C-alpha atoms as a PDB file:
ATOM      1  CA  MET A   1      66.158  -4.884  39.392  1.00  0.00           C
ATOM      2  CA  ALA A   2      64.057  -2.609  37.222  1.00  0.00           C
ATOM      3  CA  LYS A   3      65.822   0.078  35.265  1.00  0.00           C
ATOM      4  CA  LYS A   4      64.243   2.829  33.260  1.00  0.00           C
ATOM      5  CA  VAL A   5      66.149   4.410  30.429  1.00  0.00           C
ATOM      6  CA  VAL A   6      64.759   7.431  28.664  1.00  0.00           C
ATOM      7  CA  ILE A   7      65.865   8.005  25.080  1.00  0.00           C
ATOM      8  CA  ALA A   8      65.286  11.507  23.774  1.00  0.00           C
ATOM      9  CA  GLY A   9      65.504  12.296  20.105  1.00  0.00           C
ATOM     10  CA  ASN A  10      64.004  14.732  17.689  1.00  0.00           C
ATOM     11  CA  ALA A  11      60.663  12.944  17.856  1.00  0.00           C
ATOM     12  CA  ALA A  12      59.153  11.434  20.985  1.00  0.00           C
ATOM     13  CA  VAL A  13      60.696  10.399  24.281  1.00  0.00           C
ATOM     14  CA  LYS A  14      60.592   6.639  24.908  1.00  0.00           C
ATOM     15  CA  THR A  15      60.790   4.894  28.234  1.00  0.00           C
ATOM     16  CA  ILE A  16      62.502   1.507  28.200  1.00  0.00           C
ATOM     17  CA  ASN A  17      62.007  -0.928  31.088  1.00  0.00           C
ATOM     18  CA  THR A  18      64.568  -3.691  31.649  1.00  0.00           C
ATOM     19  CA  ARG A  19      64.120  -6.597  34.025  1.00  0.00           C
ATOM     20  CA  SER A  20      64.714 -10.301  34.463  1.00  0.00           C
ATOM     21  CA  GLN A  21      62.292 -13.102  35.277  1.00  0.00           C
ATOM     22  CA  THR A  22      62.798 -16.625  36.593  1.00  0.00           C
ATOM     23  CA  VAL A  23      60.856 -19.278  34.696  1.00  0.00           C
ATOM     24  CA  GLY A  24      59.994 -22.796  35.812  1.00  0.00           C
ATOM     25  CA  LEU A  25      57.464 -25.570  35.366  1.00  0.00           C
ATOM     26  CA  SER A  26      54.458 -23.305  36.021  1.00  0.00           C
ATOM     27  CA  VAL A  27      53.273 -20.472  33.792  1.00  0.00           C
ATOM     28  CA  VAL A  28      54.382 -17.009  34.937  1.00  0.00           C
ATOM     29  CA  GLN A  29      53.594 -13.565  33.629  1.00  0.00           C
ATOM     30  CA  LEU A  30      56.586 -11.801  32.179  1.00  0.00           C
ATOM     31  CA  SER A  31      55.636  -8.825  34.354  1.00  0.00           C
ATOM     32  CA  THR A  32      52.670  -7.434  36.264  1.00  0.00           C
ATOM     33  CA  ASN A  33      53.371  -4.010  34.740  1.00  0.00           C
ATOM     34  CA  SER A  34      50.348  -2.894  32.707  1.00  0.00           C
ATOM     35  CA  ARG A  35      52.026   0.175  31.176  1.00  0.00           C
ATOM     36  CA  ASN A  36      51.153   0.719  27.523  1.00  0.00           C
ATOM     37  CA  LEU A  37      53.979  -0.120  25.129  1.00  0.00           C
ATOM     38  CA  THR A  38      54.589   1.353  21.701  1.00  0.00           C
ATOM     39  CA  ASP A  39      56.881  -1.312  20.214  1.00  0.00           C
ATOM     40  CA  GLY A  40      56.702  -4.485  22.312  1.00  0.00           C
ATOM     41  CA  VAL A  41      58.995  -6.620  24.436  1.00  0.00           C
ATOM     42  CA  GLN A  42      62.405  -8.041  23.515  1.00  0.00           C
ATOM     43  CA  ILE A  43      63.036 -11.249  25.508  1.00  0.00           C
ATOM     44  CA  VAL A  44      66.402 -13.045  25.713  1.00  0.00           C
ATOM     45  CA  ALA A  45      66.903 -16.445  27.360  1.00  0.00           C
ATOM     46  CA  ASP A  46      69.945 -16.517  29.624  1.00  0.00           C
ATOM     47  CA  ALA A  47      72.935 -18.164  27.909  1.00  0.00           C
ATOM     48  CA  GLY A  48      73.441 -20.343  30.993  1.00  0.00           C
ATOM     49  CA  ASN A  49      69.956 -21.888  30.865  1.00  0.00           C
ATOM     50  CA  SER A  50      69.904 -25.686  30.720  1.00  0.00           C
ATOM     51  CA  ASN A  51      66.540 -25.862  28.934  1.00  0.00           C
ATOM     52  CA  SER A  52      64.310 -23.853  26.608  1.00  0.00           C
ATOM     53  CA  VAL A  53      61.735 -21.256  27.615  1.00  0.00           C
ATOM     54  CA  TRP A  54      58.403 -20.940  25.796  1.00  0.00           C
ATOM     55  CA  VAL A  55      56.858 -17.511  25.273  1.00  0.00           C
ATOM     56  CA  GLY A  56      53.206 -16.832  24.490  1.00  0.00           C
ATOM     57  CA  VAL A  57      50.243 -14.546  25.060  1.00  0.00           C
ATOM     58  CA  ARG A  58      47.954 -17.099  26.746  1.00  0.00           C
ATOM     59  CA  SER A  59      47.813 -17.911  30.430  1.00  0.00           C
ATOM     60  CA  ASN A  60      47.320 -21.624  29.602  1.00  0.00           C
ATOM     61  CA  LEU A  61      50.718 -21.803  27.877  1.00  0.00           C
ATOM     62  CA  THR A  62      52.521 -25.165  27.896  1.00  0.00           C
ATOM     63  CA  ALA A  63      56.130 -26.210  27.324  1.00  0.00           C
ATOM     64  CA  GLY A  64      55.566 -27.968  24.018  1.00  0.00           C
ATOM     65  CA  GLY A  65      52.286 -29.478  22.855  1.00  0.00           C
ATOM     66  CA  ALA A  66      49.033 -27.916  21.706  1.00  0.00           C
ATOM     67  CA  ASN A  67      49.208 -24.724  23.798  1.00  0.00           C
ATOM     68  CA  SER A  68      52.910 -24.073  23.468  1.00  0.00           C
ATOM     69  CA  GLY A  69      54.145 -20.692  22.430  1.00  0.00           C
ATOM     70  CA  VAL A  70      57.415 -19.846  20.721  1.00  0.00           C
ATOM     71  CA  GLU A  71      60.427 -21.756  22.019  1.00  0.00           C
ATOM     72  CA  ILE A  72      63.605 -19.819  22.753  1.00  0.00           C
ATOM     73  CA  VAL A  73      66.784 -21.722  23.521  1.00  0.00           C
ATOM     74  CA  ALA A  74      69.587 -20.539  25.801  1.00  0.00           C
ATOM     75  CA  GLY A  75      71.120 -17.354  24.444  1.00  0.00           C
ATOM     76  CA  ALA A  76      68.381 -16.747  21.865  1.00  0.00           C
ATOM     77  CA  GLY A  77      65.928 -13.862  21.791  1.00  0.00           C
ATOM     78  CA  LEU A  78      62.494 -12.936  20.541  1.00  0.00           C
ATOM     79  CA  LEU A  79      60.624  -9.674  19.925  1.00  0.00           C
ATOM     80  CA  VAL A  80      56.971  -9.913  20.989  1.00  0.00           C
ATOM     81  CA  PRO A  81      54.895  -7.096  19.433  1.00  0.00           C
ATOM     82  CA  VAL A  82      52.449  -6.572  22.307  1.00  0.00           C
ATOM     83  CA  THR A  83      50.969  -3.388  23.697  1.00  0.00           C
ATOM     84  CA  LEU A  84      51.051  -4.502  27.356  1.00  0.00           C
ATOM     85  CA  GLU A  85      53.906  -6.191  29.245  1.00  0.00           C
ATOM     86  CA  ASP A  86      51.518  -8.174  31.443  1.00  0.00           C
ATOM     87  CA  LYS A  87      50.026 -10.010  28.427  1.00  0.00           C
ATOM     88  CA  VAL A  88      53.176 -12.103  27.885  1.00  0.00           C
ATOM     89  CA  TYR A  89      53.526 -15.492  29.609  1.00  0.00           C
ATOM     90  CA  LEU A  90      56.483 -17.841  30.063  1.00  0.00           C
ATOM     91  CA  ILE A  91      57.037 -21.501  30.953  1.00  0.00           C
ATOM     92  CA  SER A  92      59.889 -24.002  30.805  1.00  0.00           C
ATOM     93  CA  ASP A  93      60.182 -27.766  31.007  1.00  0.00           C
ATOM     94  CA  ALA A  94      62.807 -27.351  33.754  1.00  0.00           C
ATOM     95  CA  GLY A  95      62.959 -25.207  36.871  1.00  0.00           C
ATOM     96  CA  SER A  96      65.039 -22.071  37.434  1.00  0.00           C
ATOM     97  CA  GLN A  97      65.532 -20.851  33.876  1.00  0.00           C
ATOM     98  CA  SER A  98      66.008 -17.117  33.421  1.00  0.00           C
ATOM     99  CA  VAL A  99      65.119 -14.483  30.849  1.00  0.00           C
ATOM    100  CA  THR A 100      65.974 -10.822  30.586  1.00  0.00           C
ATOM    101  CA  PHE A 101      63.621  -8.445  28.836  1.00  0.00           C
ATOM    102  CA  MET A 102      63.378  -4.921  27.602  1.00  0.00           C
ATOM    103  CA  SER A 103      60.004  -3.333  26.930  1.00  0.00           C
ATOM    104  CA  TYR A 104      59.409  -0.123  25.021  1.00  0.00           C
END
């Protein structure tokens, strides 16, 4: 379920989106949301995952090998400094892995 949290401070107001995504043997977009981001996307692999998830910015991402992205193991996280949520891709070498992310 998508949640939006607005943080107001002395400077600007930021909108933070939080969601989860299931990852399997085929490449999936982190999100289809094309909202502009100011800081990027923080991605955390579910601690209960049985296998790693690879994160990248190419739609031809692979789980290991020449086109692999950055591997995150169960419970680990990664900050991806992108300007659009829909430019991040995920894949795993096992089905039904899960990540949670926060974009801002």
